[in-house]
Amino acid sequence: MKDRQGSDKPIKIRGGKEVASEVQKDNCDGARFIAENPIKRQIKINQFPWTEKQKDFFRVALHPHTKIIFVSGPAGTSKTLLATYCALQLLNLKSIEEIMYLRSAVESSDKSLGYLPGNADEKLKFFNLPFLDKLLELLTAGCAEKLEQEHRVSMFPVNFARGMNWRAKCVILDEAQNSTEKEIMTVLTRLGEGSRAFILADPMQIDLKGYEKHGGYSNLSDIFSDEDSLQHGIYHFTFDENDIMRSELVKFLIKKLNQSKEVNN
């Protein structure tokens, strides 16, 4: 029989039966938020051999008390993959109605590509590729397109967010090291009842130029790191070079670069 307090079926986390059980129990609390227009059928999510630290991340990210998570780590630590995975699980838990992927329209190159042809969707297609890649990794064939068609997934730049009110949304702000303090706060102050946000950043890959070259992530992360923020459901999670999953080559590159910086400092 359908559980009116939670998802139709228990969620699954590979190698994390205990974590999945904890998450399920937390999300069967009668006082937790339930989306008014949840998905009708649970999504099948592809699983990976998760590390213990990633399982700890799931415990925090999927807890009903969590509202915002600041997530930092170097390239290859699967920040976007983990956030997308949790967002899909939140759909299955009927905690949210839609996943929203945002990022600042900042190019990761010293030189701009200049004018891009096409309509708004075509211009932004390349900025959304990381999220689309993660959906394809995590979902079975055709499922990502179906979620888009059902308006369960949307993608747009940060500067389109002003004036919106997000209820029962999971917001993923990617590459937040390239967002200004104003842009990040624009996203966070859109969060309405039942919404939560993943603010993802790699401090080693800041592409901002001019007076805003340091971005707003670090300062806001520090501001909201006190006990009062924790009581309001704001958490922090940091991955390091030991958590890199992309490849052994990337792990070597990041470790070598960090060693060089330590020597020079």
C-alpha atoms as a PDB file:
ATOM      1  CA  MET A   1       0.000   0.000   0.000  1.00  0.00           C
ATOM      2  CA  LYS A   2       1.208   3.496  -0.772  1.00  0.00           C
ATOM      3  CA  ASP A   3       2.855   5.317   2.137  1.00  0.00           C
ATOM      4  CA  ARG A   4       1.268   8.759   2.326  1.00  0.00           C
ATOM      5  CA  GLN A   5       4.090   9.998   4.520  1.00  0.00           C
ATOM      6  CA  GLY A   6       6.937   9.089   2.180  1.00  0.00           C
ATOM      7  CA  SER A   7       7.874   7.436  -1.084  1.00  0.00           C
ATOM      8  CA  ASP A   8       6.036   4.468  -2.591  1.00  0.00           C
ATOM      9  CA  LYS A   9       9.092   2.212  -2.344  1.00  0.00           C
ATOM     10  CA  PRO A  10      12.253   2.218  -0.196  1.00  0.00           C
ATOM     11  CA  ILE A  11      15.120   4.098  -1.820  1.00  0.00           C
ATOM     12  CA  LYS A  12      18.320   2.248  -2.680  1.00  0.00           C
ATOM     13  CA  ILE A  13      21.928   3.332  -2.133  1.00  0.00           C
ATOM     14  CA  ARG A  14      24.590   0.932  -3.376  1.00  0.00           C
ATOM     15  CA  GLY A  15      26.695  -0.391  -0.518  1.00  0.00           C
ATOM     16  CA  GLY A  16      24.719   1.821   1.852  1.00  0.00           C
ATOM     17  CA  LYS A  17      21.764  -0.232   3.054  1.00  0.00           C
ATOM     18  CA  GLU A  18      22.108   1.286   6.528  1.00  0.00           C
ATOM     19  CA  VAL A  19      22.259   4.826   5.101  1.00  0.00           C
ATOM     20  CA  ALA A  20      19.207   4.183   2.917  1.00  0.00           C
ATOM     21  CA  SER A  21      17.327   2.851   5.937  1.00  0.00           C
ATOM     22  CA  GLU A  22      18.245   5.957   7.971  1.00  0.00           C
ATOM     23  CA  VAL A  23      17.174   8.271   5.147  1.00  0.00           C
ATOM     24  CA  GLN A  24      13.896   6.399   4.695  1.00  0.00           C
ATOM     25  CA  LYS A  25      13.171   6.557   8.424  1.00  0.00           C
ATOM     26  CA  ASP A  26      13.960  10.288   8.612  1.00  0.00           C
ATOM     27  CA  ASN A  27      11.699  10.953   5.645  1.00  0.00           C
ATOM     28  CA  CYS A  28       8.739   9.037   7.085  1.00  0.00           C
ATOM     29  CA  ASP A  29       8.292  11.644   9.795  1.00  0.00           C
ATOM     30  CA  GLY A  30       4.696  12.861   9.600  1.00  0.00           C
ATOM     31  CA  ALA A  31       5.842  16.449  10.157  1.00  0.00           C
ATOM     32  CA  ARG A  32       8.160  16.562   7.131  1.00  0.00           C
ATOM     33  CA  PHE A  33       7.311  18.461   3.954  1.00  0.00           C
ATOM     34  CA  ILE A  34       5.552  16.478   1.207  1.00  0.00           C
ATOM     35  CA  ALA A  35       5.347  17.935  -2.293  1.00  0.00           C
ATOM     36  CA  GLU A  36       1.840  18.701  -3.528  1.00  0.00           C
ATOM     37  CA  ASN A  37       2.586  17.453  -7.045  1.00  0.00           C
ATOM     38  CA  PRO A  38       5.124  14.624  -6.625  1.00  0.00           C
ATOM     39  CA  ILE A  39       6.208  12.198  -9.316  1.00  0.00           C
ATOM     40  CA  LYS A  40       3.756   9.350  -9.841  1.00  0.00           C
ATOM     41  CA  ARG A  41       6.281   6.558 -10.306  1.00  0.00           C
ATOM     42  CA  GLN A  42       9.678   6.141  -8.655  1.00  0.00           C
ATOM     43  CA  ILE A  43      12.673   6.813 -10.911  1.00  0.00           C
ATOM     44  CA  LYS A  44      15.265   4.081 -11.365  1.00  0.00           C
ATOM     45  CA  ILE A  45      18.634   5.647 -10.508  1.00  0.00           C
ATOM     46  CA  ASN A  46      21.923   4.073 -11.535  1.00  0.00           C
ATOM     47  CA  GLN A  47      24.222   3.370  -8.606  1.00  0.00           C
ATOM     48  CA  PHE A  48      27.987   3.652  -8.163  1.00  0.00           C
ATOM     49  CA  PRO A  49      30.443   2.195  -5.618  1.00  0.00           C
ATOM     50  CA  TRP A  50      30.045   5.099  -3.194  1.00  0.00           C
ATOM     51  CA  THR A  51      32.784   5.914  -0.691  1.00  0.00           C
ATOM     52  CA  GLU A  52      32.088   6.238   3.034  1.00  0.00           C
ATOM     53  CA  LYS A  53      32.466   9.999   2.787  1.00  0.00           C
ATOM     54  CA  GLN A  54      29.911  10.152  -0.021  1.00  0.00           C
ATOM     55  CA  LYS A  55      27.499   8.102   2.081  1.00  0.00           C
ATOM     56  CA  ASP A  56      27.984  10.638   4.889  1.00  0.00           C
ATOM     57  CA  PHE A  57      27.116  13.316   2.348  1.00  0.00           C
ATOM     58  CA  PHE A  58      23.869  11.474   1.494  1.00  0.00           C
ATOM     59  CA  ARG A  59      22.916  11.398   5.176  1.00  0.00           C
ATOM     60  CA  VAL A  60      23.136  15.193   5.345  1.00  0.00           C
ATOM     61  CA  ALA A  61      21.807  16.002   1.877  1.00  0.00           C
ATOM     62  CA  LEU A  62      18.698  13.798   2.152  1.00  0.00           C
ATOM     63  CA  HIS A  63      17.755  14.705   5.725  1.00  0.00           C
ATOM     64  CA  PRO A  64      14.444  16.598   5.859  1.00  0.00           C
ATOM     65  CA  HIS A  65      15.941  19.296   8.107  1.00  0.00           C
ATOM     66  CA  THR A  66      18.540  20.247   5.494  1.00  0.00           C
ATOM     67  CA  LYS A  67      17.806  23.416   3.516  1.00  0.00           C
ATOM     68  CA  ILE A  68      21.167  24.510   2.071  1.00  0.00           C
ATOM     69  CA  ILE A  69      24.502  22.731   1.624  1.00  0.00           C
ATOM     70  CA  PHE A  70      27.699  24.540   0.659  1.00  0.00           C
ATOM     71  CA  VAL A  71      29.827  21.893  -1.084  1.00  0.00           C
ATOM     72  CA  SER A  72      33.453  22.536  -2.018  1.00  0.00           C
ATOM     73  CA  GLY A  73      36.139  20.346  -3.518  1.00  0.00           C
ATOM     74  CA  PRO A  74      38.617  20.074  -6.386  1.00  0.00           C
ATOM     75  CA  ALA A  75      37.819  18.859  -9.898  1.00  0.00           C
ATOM     76  CA  GLY A  76      36.896  15.191 -10.096  1.00  0.00           C
ATOM     77  CA  THR A  77      35.304  14.835  -6.642  1.00  0.00           C
ATOM     78  CA  SER A  78      31.870  14.303  -8.245  1.00  0.00           C
ATOM     79  CA  LYS A  79      30.183  17.314  -6.653  1.00  0.00           C
ATOM     80  CA  THR A  80      27.695  17.741  -9.508  1.00  0.00           C
ATOM     81  CA  LEU A  81      27.078  13.995  -9.772  1.00  0.00           C
ATOM     82  CA  LEU A  82      26.383  13.690  -6.036  1.00  0.00           C
ATOM     83  CA  ALA A  83      24.068  16.712  -5.977  1.00  0.00           C
ATOM     84  CA  THR A  84      22.154  15.412  -9.014  1.00  0.00           C
ATOM     85  CA  TYR A  85      21.921  11.941  -7.469  1.00  0.00           C
ATOM     86  CA  CYS A  86      20.489  13.409  -4.252  1.00  0.00           C
ATOM     87  CA  ALA A  87      18.056  15.583  -6.211  1.00  0.00           C
ATOM     88  CA  LEU A  88      16.721  12.493  -8.008  1.00  0.00           C
ATOM     89  CA  GLN A  89      16.390  10.677  -4.678  1.00  0.00           C
ATOM     90  CA  LEU A  90      14.444  13.655  -3.315  1.00  0.00           C
ATOM     91  CA  LEU A  91      12.050  13.281  -6.252  1.00  0.00           C
ATOM     92  CA  ASN A  92      11.619   9.629  -5.309  1.00  0.00           C
ATOM     93  CA  LEU A  93      11.037  10.609  -1.671  1.00  0.00           C
ATOM     94  CA  LYS A  94       8.295  13.009  -2.863  1.00  0.00           C
ATOM     95  CA  SER A  95      10.084  15.820  -1.024  1.00  0.00           C
ATOM     96  CA  ILE A  96      10.336  18.002  -4.147  1.00  0.00           C
ATOM     97  CA  GLU A  97       8.544  18.518  -7.452  1.00  0.00           C
ATOM     98  CA  GLU A  98      11.359  19.766  -9.676  1.00  0.00           C
ATOM     99  CA  ILE A  99      15.147  19.905 -10.043  1.00  0.00           C
ATOM    100  CA  MET A 100      16.596  23.255 -11.139  1.00  0.00           C
ATOM    101  CA  TYR A 101      20.164  23.548 -12.435  1.00  0.00           C
ATOM    102  CA  LEU A 102      21.727  27.017 -12.404  1.00  0.00           C
ATOM    103  CA  ARG A 103      25.137  28.503 -13.016  1.00  0.00           C
ATOM    104  CA  SER A 104      26.620  31.877 -13.833  1.00  0.00           C
ATOM    105  CA  ALA A 105      27.312  32.434 -17.528  1.00  0.00           C
ATOM    106  CA  VAL A 106      31.087  32.619 -17.039  1.00  0.00           C
ATOM    107  CA  GLU A 107      33.421  30.908 -19.485  1.00  0.00           C
ATOM    108  CA  SER A 108      36.287  28.780 -18.163  1.00  0.00           C
ATOM    109  CA  SER A 109      38.788  30.332 -20.533  1.00  0.00           C
ATOM    110  CA  ASP A 110      41.089  33.327 -20.504  1.00  0.00           C
ATOM    111  CA  LYS A 111      39.517  34.493 -23.759  1.00  0.00           C
ATOM    112  CA  SER A 112      35.796  34.784 -24.480  1.00  0.00           C
ATOM    113  CA  LEU A 113      34.152  32.891 -27.324  1.00  0.00           C
ATOM    114  CA  GLY A 114      32.179  36.029 -28.077  1.00  0.00           C
ATOM    115  CA  TYR A 115      28.701  36.025 -29.609  1.00  0.00           C
ATOM    116  CA  LEU A 116      26.949  32.654 -29.719  1.00  0.00           C
ATOM    117  CA  PRO A 117      24.284  32.112 -32.394  1.00  0.00           C
ATOM    118  CA  GLY A 118      20.818  30.684 -31.801  1.00  0.00           C
ATOM    119  CA  ASN A 119      17.929  31.190 -29.386  1.00  0.00           C
ATOM    120  CA  ALA A 120      18.233  31.315 -25.584  1.00  0.00           C
ATOM    121  CA  ASP A 121      18.172  27.510 -25.181  1.00  0.00           C
ATOM    122  CA  GLU A 122      20.822  27.035 -27.873  1.00  0.00           C
ATOM    123  CA  LYS A 123      23.091  29.707 -26.389  1.00  0.00           C
ATOM    124  CA  LEU A 124      22.924  28.102 -22.933  1.00  0.00           C
ATOM    125  CA  LYS A 125      23.230  24.507 -24.100  1.00  0.00           C
ATOM    126  CA  PHE A 126      26.977  24.351 -23.522  1.00  0.00           C
ATOM    127  CA  PHE A 127      26.706  25.745 -19.979  1.00  0.00           C
ATOM    128  CA  ASN A 128      24.175  22.996 -19.141  1.00  0.00           C
ATOM    129  CA  LEU A 129      26.241  20.093 -20.511  1.00  0.00           C
ATOM    130  CA  PRO A 130      27.703  19.045 -17.098  1.00  0.00           C
ATOM    131  CA  PHE A 131      24.199  18.575 -15.677  1.00  0.00           C
ATOM    132  CA  LEU A 132      22.896  16.788 -18.771  1.00  0.00           C
ATOM    133  CA  ASP A 133      25.909  14.461 -18.638  1.00  0.00           C
ATOM    134  CA  LYS A 134      25.140  13.596 -15.017  1.00  0.00           C
ATOM    135  CA  LEU A 135      21.493  12.870 -15.800  1.00  0.00           C
ATOM    136  CA  LEU A 136      22.579  10.516 -18.573  1.00  0.00           C
ATOM    137  CA  GLU A 137      24.997   8.780 -16.183  1.00  0.00           C
ATOM    138  CA  LEU A 138      22.377   8.338 -13.483  1.00  0.00           C
ATOM    139  CA  LEU A 139      19.241   7.534 -15.481  1.00  0.00           C
ATOM    140  CA  THR A 140      18.151   4.874 -17.921  1.00  0.00           C
ATOM    141  CA  ALA A 141      17.775   5.686 -21.620  1.00  0.00           C
ATOM    142  CA  GLY A 142      15.034   8.197 -22.348  1.00  0.00           C
ATOM    143  CA  CYS A 143      14.340   9.040 -18.689  1.00  0.00           C
ATOM    144  CA  ALA A 144      16.159  12.400 -18.732  1.00  0.00           C
ATOM    145  CA  GLU A 145      14.154  13.559 -21.762  1.00  0.00           C
ATOM    146  CA  LYS A 146      10.924  12.426 -20.088  1.00  0.00           C
ATOM    147  CA  LEU A 147      11.729  14.403 -16.941  1.00  0.00           C
ATOM    148  CA  GLU A 148      12.310  17.511 -19.064  1.00  0.00           C
ATOM    149  CA  GLN A 149       9.044  16.996 -20.919  1.00  0.00           C
ATOM    150  CA  GLU A 150       7.196  16.634 -17.614  1.00  0.00           C
ATOM    151  CA  HIS A 151       8.866  19.842 -16.324  1.00  0.00           C
ATOM    152  CA  ARG A 152      10.618  17.951 -13.552  1.00  0.00           C
ATOM    153  CA  VAL A 153      13.979  19.331 -14.700  1.00  0.00           C
ATOM    154  CA  SER A 154      14.879  22.863 -15.779  1.00  0.00           C
ATOM    155  CA  MET A 155      18.127  24.718 -16.533  1.00  0.00           C
ATOM    156  CA  PHE A 156      18.845  28.433 -16.738  1.00  0.00           C
ATOM    157  CA  PRO A 157      21.479  31.040 -15.771  1.00  0.00           C
ATOM    158  CA  VAL A 158      21.494  32.743 -12.377  1.00  0.00           C
ATOM    159  CA  ASN A 159      20.509  36.141 -13.763  1.00  0.00           C
ATOM    160  CA  PHE A 160      17.080  34.732 -14.744  1.00  0.00           C
ATOM    161  CA  ALA A 161      16.267  33.863 -11.120  1.00  0.00           C
ATOM    162  CA  ARG A 162      15.317  37.263  -9.716  1.00  0.00           C
ATOM    163  CA  GLY A 163      11.639  37.631  -8.853  1.00  0.00           C
ATOM    164  CA  MET A 164      10.993  33.880  -8.698  1.00  0.00           C
ATOM    165  CA  ASN A 165       9.562  32.012  -5.701  1.00  0.00           C
ATOM    166  CA  TRP A 166      10.626  28.372  -5.507  1.00  0.00           C
ATOM    167  CA  ARG A 167       8.425  25.948  -3.579  1.00  0.00           C
ATOM    168  CA  ALA A 168       9.308  22.240  -3.422  1.00  0.00           C
ATOM    169  CA  LYS A 169      12.349  22.675  -5.684  1.00  0.00           C
ATOM    170  CA  CYS A 170      15.840  21.225  -5.451  1.00  0.00           C
ATOM    171  CA  VAL A 171      18.228  23.889  -6.705  1.00  0.00           C
ATOM    172  CA  ILE A 172      21.742  23.025  -7.849  1.00  0.00           C
ATOM    173  CA  LEU A 173      23.970  26.099  -8.257  1.00  0.00           C
ATOM    174  CA  ASP A 174      27.028  24.722 -10.020  1.00  0.00           C
ATOM    175  CA  GLU A 175      30.458  26.358 -10.418  1.00  0.00           C
ATOM    176  CA  ALA A 176      29.537  28.743  -7.595  1.00  0.00           C
ATOM    177  CA  GLN A 177      33.151  29.892  -7.314  1.00  0.00           C
ATOM    178  CA  ASN A 178      32.286  31.909 -10.446  1.00  0.00           C
ATOM    179  CA  SER A 179      29.207  33.498  -8.882  1.00  0.00           C
ATOM    180  CA  THR A 180      29.298  36.818  -7.090  1.00  0.00           C
ATOM    181  CA  GLU A 181      27.939  37.204  -3.574  1.00  0.00           C
ATOM    182  CA  LYS A 182      24.935  39.005  -5.057  1.00  0.00           C
ATOM    183  CA  GLU A 183      24.213  36.148  -7.476  1.00  0.00           C
ATOM    184  CA  ILE A 184      24.437  33.460  -4.793  1.00  0.00           C
ATOM    185  CA  MET A 185      22.152  35.421  -2.476  1.00  0.00           C
ATOM    186  CA  THR A 186      19.695  35.941  -5.344  1.00  0.00           C
ATOM    187  CA  VAL A 187      19.460  32.147  -5.617  1.00  0.00           C
ATOM    188  CA  LEU A 188      19.235  31.498  -1.867  1.00  0.00           C
ATOM    189  CA  THR A 189      16.550  34.125  -1.286  1.00  0.00           C
ATOM    190  CA  ARG A 190      14.299  32.434  -3.877  1.00  0.00           C
ATOM    191  CA  LEU A 191      13.984  29.328  -1.665  1.00  0.00           C
ATOM    192  CA  GLY A 192      10.416  28.855  -0.469  1.00  0.00           C
ATOM    193  CA  GLU A 193       8.716  26.133   1.546  1.00  0.00           C
ATOM    194  CA  GLY A 194      10.048  22.649   0.918  1.00  0.00           C
ATOM    195  CA  SER A 195      12.978  23.790  -1.234  1.00  0.00           C
ATOM    196  CA  ARG A 196      16.652  23.089  -0.713  1.00  0.00           C
ATOM    197  CA  ALA A 197      19.837  24.135  -2.469  1.00  0.00           C
ATOM    198  CA  PHE A 198      23.230  22.641  -3.256  1.00  0.00           C
ATOM    199  CA  ILE A 199      25.862  25.359  -3.718  1.00  0.00           C
ATOM    200  CA  LEU A 200      28.813  23.686  -5.464  1.00  0.00           C
ATOM    201  CA  ALA A 201      32.246  25.252  -5.809  1.00  0.00           C
ATOM    202  CA  ASP A 202      35.830  24.446  -6.722  1.00  0.00           C
ATOM    203  CA  PRO A 203      38.001  27.251  -5.264  1.00  0.00           C
ATOM    204  CA  MET A 204      40.865  26.184  -7.561  1.00  0.00           C
ATOM    205  CA  GLN A 205      38.918  27.043 -10.721  1.00  0.00           C
ATOM    206  CA  ILE A 206      37.822  30.672 -10.424  1.00  0.00           C
ATOM    207  CA  ASP A 207      37.311  32.249 -13.862  1.00  0.00           C
ATOM    208  CA  LEU A 208      36.081  35.672 -12.769  1.00  0.00           C
ATOM    209  CA  LYS A 209      38.002  38.719 -13.905  1.00  0.00           C
ATOM    210  CA  GLY A 210      38.435  42.258 -12.630  1.00  0.00           C
ATOM    211  CA  TYR A 211      37.355  43.420  -9.188  1.00  0.00           C
ATOM    212  CA  GLU A 212      35.069  40.386  -8.693  1.00  0.00           C
ATOM    213  CA  LYS A 213      37.816  37.826  -9.360  1.00  0.00           C
ATOM    214  CA  HIS A 214      37.465  36.184  -5.923  1.00  0.00           C
ATOM    215  CA  GLY A 215      33.708  35.535  -6.205  1.00  0.00           C
ATOM    216  CA  GLY A 216      31.270  35.394  -3.301  1.00  0.00           C
ATOM    217  CA  TYR A 217      31.307  31.715  -2.366  1.00  0.00           C
ATOM    218  CA  SER A 218      34.055  31.732   0.277  1.00  0.00           C
ATOM    219  CA  ASN A 219      32.697  34.739   2.152  1.00  0.00           C
ATOM    220  CA  LEU A 220      29.115  33.471   2.233  1.00  0.00           C
ATOM    221  CA  SER A 221      30.284  30.011   3.218  1.00  0.00           C
ATOM    222  CA  ASP A 222      32.107  31.570   6.189  1.00  0.00           C
ATOM    223  CA  ILE A 223      29.153  33.797   7.161  1.00  0.00           C
ATOM    224  CA  PHE A 224      26.766  30.835   7.303  1.00  0.00           C
ATOM    225  CA  SER A 225      29.063  28.469   9.193  1.00  0.00           C
ATOM    226  CA  ASP A 226      27.925  29.238  12.749  1.00  0.00           C
ATOM    227  CA  GLU A 227      25.631  27.295  15.070  1.00  0.00           C
ATOM    228  CA  ASP A 228      22.661  29.570  14.304  1.00  0.00           C
ATOM    229  CA  SER A 229      22.971  28.744  10.595  1.00  0.00           C
ATOM    230  CA  LEU A 230      23.149  25.028  11.429  1.00  0.00           C
ATOM    231  CA  GLN A 231      19.901  25.315  13.377  1.00  0.00           C
ATOM    232  CA  HIS A 232      18.320  26.765  10.230  1.00  0.00           C
ATOM    233  CA  GLY A 233      19.368  23.763   8.151  1.00  0.00           C
ATOM    234  CA  ILE A 234      22.508  25.213   6.545  1.00  0.00           C
ATOM    235  CA  TYR A 235      25.347  22.699   6.263  1.00  0.00           C
ATOM    236  CA  HIS A 236      28.855  22.523   4.804  1.00  0.00           C
ATOM    237  CA  PHE A 237      30.612  19.600   3.190  1.00  0.00           C
ATOM    238  CA  THR A 238      34.182  19.589   1.892  1.00  0.00           C
ATOM    239  CA  PHE A 239      35.789  17.033  -0.404  1.00  0.00           C
ATOM    240  CA  ASP A 240      39.544  16.919  -0.967  1.00  0.00           C
ATOM    241  CA  GLU A 241      42.031  15.340  -3.366  1.00  0.00           C
ATOM    242  CA  ASN A 242      41.559  11.932  -1.714  1.00  0.00           C
ATOM    243  CA  ASP A 243      37.916  11.928  -2.821  1.00  0.00           C
ATOM    244  CA  ILE A 244      38.661  12.379  -6.533  1.00  0.00           C
ATOM    245  CA  MET A 245      36.821   9.718  -8.566  1.00  0.00           C
ATOM    246  CA  ARG A 246      37.274  10.925 -12.150  1.00  0.00           C
ATOM    247  CA  SER A 247      40.602   9.170 -12.687  1.00  0.00           C
ATOM    248  CA  GLU A 248      43.953   8.460 -11.065  1.00  0.00           C
ATOM    249  CA  LEU A 249      45.469  10.978 -13.481  1.00  0.00           C
ATOM    250  CA  VAL A 250      43.273  13.811 -12.198  1.00  0.00           C
ATOM    251  CA  LYS A 251      44.063  12.794  -8.609  1.00  0.00           C
ATOM    252  CA  PHE A 252      47.784  12.977  -9.423  1.00  0.00           C
ATOM    253  CA  LEU A 253      47.420  16.387 -11.119  1.00  0.00           C
ATOM    254  CA  ILE A 254      45.559  17.942  -8.187  1.00  0.00           C
ATOM    255  CA  LYS A 255      47.940  16.475  -5.592  1.00  0.00           C
ATOM    256  CA  LYS A 256      50.976  17.674  -7.540  1.00  0.00           C
ATOM    257  CA  LEU A 257      49.551  21.183  -7.878  1.00  0.00           C
ATOM    258  CA  ASN A 258      48.733  21.375  -4.165  1.00  0.00           C
ATOM    259  CA  GLN A 259      52.234  20.181  -3.237  1.00  0.00           C
ATOM    260  CA  SER A 260      53.711  22.864  -5.473  1.00  0.00           C
ATOM    261  CA  LYS A 261      51.607  25.568  -3.800  1.00  0.00           C
ATOM    262  CA  GLU A 262      52.673  24.375  -0.352  1.00  0.00           C
ATOM    263  CA  VAL A 263      56.348  24.558  -1.332  1.00  0.00           C
ATOM    264  CA  ASN A 264      55.970  28.040  -2.844  1.00  0.00           C
ATOM    265  CA  ASN A 265      54.119  29.323   0.194  1.00  0.00           C
END
